[in-house]
Amino acid sequence: MKITSDMIIGDILKTYPDVASVFFEFGMHCLGCPSARGESIENACAVHGINADELVTALNRFLEK
């Protein structure tokens, strides 16, 4: 499954728990927060000032390994 910016972070982490390290690299350290788990990547990136496309690319590259 390819990750997209409209996907919910909690759903991604349930399926691919190891990708948490990629979120941490981008400065998203609040993955355990209930609101963060219910947000899409796009919404969370907007709040944190992170480029969603860059994060999605990094997440998919991680999964390719």
C-alpha atoms as a PDB file:
ATOM      1  CA  MET A   1       0.000   0.000   0.000  1.00  0.00           C
ATOM      2  CA  LYS A   2       1.308   3.424  -0.912  1.00  0.00           C
ATOM      3  CA  ILE A   3       0.979   6.175   1.688  1.00  0.00           C
ATOM      4  CA  THR A   4      -0.783   9.373   0.611  1.00  0.00           C
ATOM      5  CA  SER A   5      -1.194  12.729   2.336  1.00  0.00           C
ATOM      6  CA  ASP A   6      -4.908  12.212   2.956  1.00  0.00           C
ATOM      7  CA  MET A   7      -4.322   9.077   5.037  1.00  0.00           C
ATOM      8  CA  ILE A   8      -4.883   9.142   8.817  1.00  0.00           C
ATOM      9  CA  ILE A   9      -1.660   8.949  10.829  1.00  0.00           C
ATOM     10  CA  GLY A  10      -3.091   6.465  13.344  1.00  0.00           C
ATOM     11  CA  ASP A  11      -4.120   4.096  10.550  1.00  0.00           C
ATOM     12  CA  ILE A  12      -0.657   4.276   9.015  1.00  0.00           C
ATOM     13  CA  LEU A  13       1.008   3.551  12.361  1.00  0.00           C
ATOM     14  CA  LYS A  14      -1.260   0.555  12.984  1.00  0.00           C
ATOM     15  CA  THR A  15      -0.256  -0.938   9.656  1.00  0.00           C
ATOM     16  CA  TYR A  16       3.393   0.180   9.603  1.00  0.00           C
ATOM     17  CA  PRO A  17       4.537   0.945  13.178  1.00  0.00           C
ATOM     18  CA  ASP A  18       8.184   1.266  12.101  1.00  0.00           C
ATOM     19  CA  VAL A  19       7.430   4.425  10.083  1.00  0.00           C
ATOM     20  CA  ALA A  20       7.204   6.326  13.374  1.00  0.00           C
ATOM     21  CA  SER A  21      10.931   6.979  13.001  1.00  0.00           C
ATOM     22  CA  VAL A  22      10.272   8.908   9.783  1.00  0.00           C
ATOM     23  CA  PHE A  23       7.666  11.082  11.485  1.00  0.00           C
ATOM     24  CA  PHE A  24      10.178  11.749  14.283  1.00  0.00           C
ATOM     25  CA  GLU A  25      12.840  12.770  11.744  1.00  0.00           C
ATOM     26  CA  PHE A  26      10.429  15.402  10.438  1.00  0.00           C
ATOM     27  CA  GLY A  27       9.817  16.792  13.932  1.00  0.00           C
ATOM     28  CA  MET A  28       6.459  15.123  14.546  1.00  0.00           C
ATOM     29  CA  HIS A  29       7.060  13.795  18.045  1.00  0.00           C
ATOM     30  CA  CYS A  30       3.450  13.757  19.249  1.00  0.00           C
ATOM     31  CA  LEU A  31       2.343  10.526  17.563  1.00  0.00           C
ATOM     32  CA  GLY A  32       0.795   9.225  20.781  1.00  0.00           C
ATOM     33  CA  CYS A  33      -1.478  12.234  21.088  1.00  0.00           C
ATOM     34  CA  PRO A  34      -5.119  11.339  20.347  1.00  0.00           C
ATOM     35  CA  SER A  35      -5.591  14.286  18.006  1.00  0.00           C
ATOM     36  CA  ALA A  36      -2.432  13.445  16.050  1.00  0.00           C
ATOM     37  CA  ARG A  37      -3.566   9.851  15.540  1.00  0.00           C
ATOM     38  CA  GLY A  38      -6.866  11.084  14.072  1.00  0.00           C
ATOM     39  CA  GLU A  39      -5.383  13.624  11.686  1.00  0.00           C
ATOM     40  CA  SER A  40      -4.391  13.155   8.095  1.00  0.00           C
ATOM     41  CA  ILE A  41      -0.757  13.632   7.170  1.00  0.00           C
ATOM     42  CA  GLU A  42      -1.741  16.763   5.271  1.00  0.00           C
ATOM     43  CA  ASN A  43      -3.509  18.335   8.272  1.00  0.00           C
ATOM     44  CA  ALA A  44      -0.740  17.444  10.711  1.00  0.00           C
ATOM     45  CA  CYS A  45       1.890  18.864   8.380  1.00  0.00           C
ATOM     46  CA  ALA A  46      -0.047  22.122   8.070  1.00  0.00           C
ATOM     47  CA  VAL A  47      -0.098  22.464  11.873  1.00  0.00           C
ATOM     48  CA  HIS A  48       3.626  21.677  12.184  1.00  0.00           C
ATOM     49  CA  GLY A  49       4.808  23.691   9.165  1.00  0.00           C
ATOM     50  CA  ILE A  50       6.102  20.597   7.385  1.00  0.00           C
ATOM     51  CA  ASN A  51       5.952  19.918   3.656  1.00  0.00           C
ATOM     52  CA  ALA A  52       3.451  17.049   3.333  1.00  0.00           C
ATOM     53  CA  ASP A  53       4.787  15.922  -0.040  1.00  0.00           C
ATOM     54  CA  GLU A  54       8.303  15.558   1.348  1.00  0.00           C
ATOM     55  CA  LEU A  55       7.055  13.556   4.328  1.00  0.00           C
ATOM     56  CA  VAL A  56       4.927  11.258   2.154  1.00  0.00           C
ATOM     57  CA  THR A  57       7.902  10.665  -0.155  1.00  0.00           C
ATOM     58  CA  ALA A  58      10.125   9.821   2.822  1.00  0.00           C
ATOM     59  CA  LEU A  59       7.495   7.469   4.277  1.00  0.00           C
ATOM     60  CA  ASN A  60       7.115   5.591   0.990  1.00  0.00           C
ATOM     61  CA  ARG A  61      10.882   5.362   0.526  1.00  0.00           C
ATOM     62  CA  PHE A  62      11.144   3.900   4.023  1.00  0.00           C
ATOM     63  CA  LEU A  63       8.549   1.273   3.153  1.00  0.00           C
ATOM     64  CA  GLU A  64      10.390   0.336  -0.045  1.00  0.00           C
ATOM     65  CA  LYS A  65      13.421  -0.768   1.991  1.00  0.00           C
END
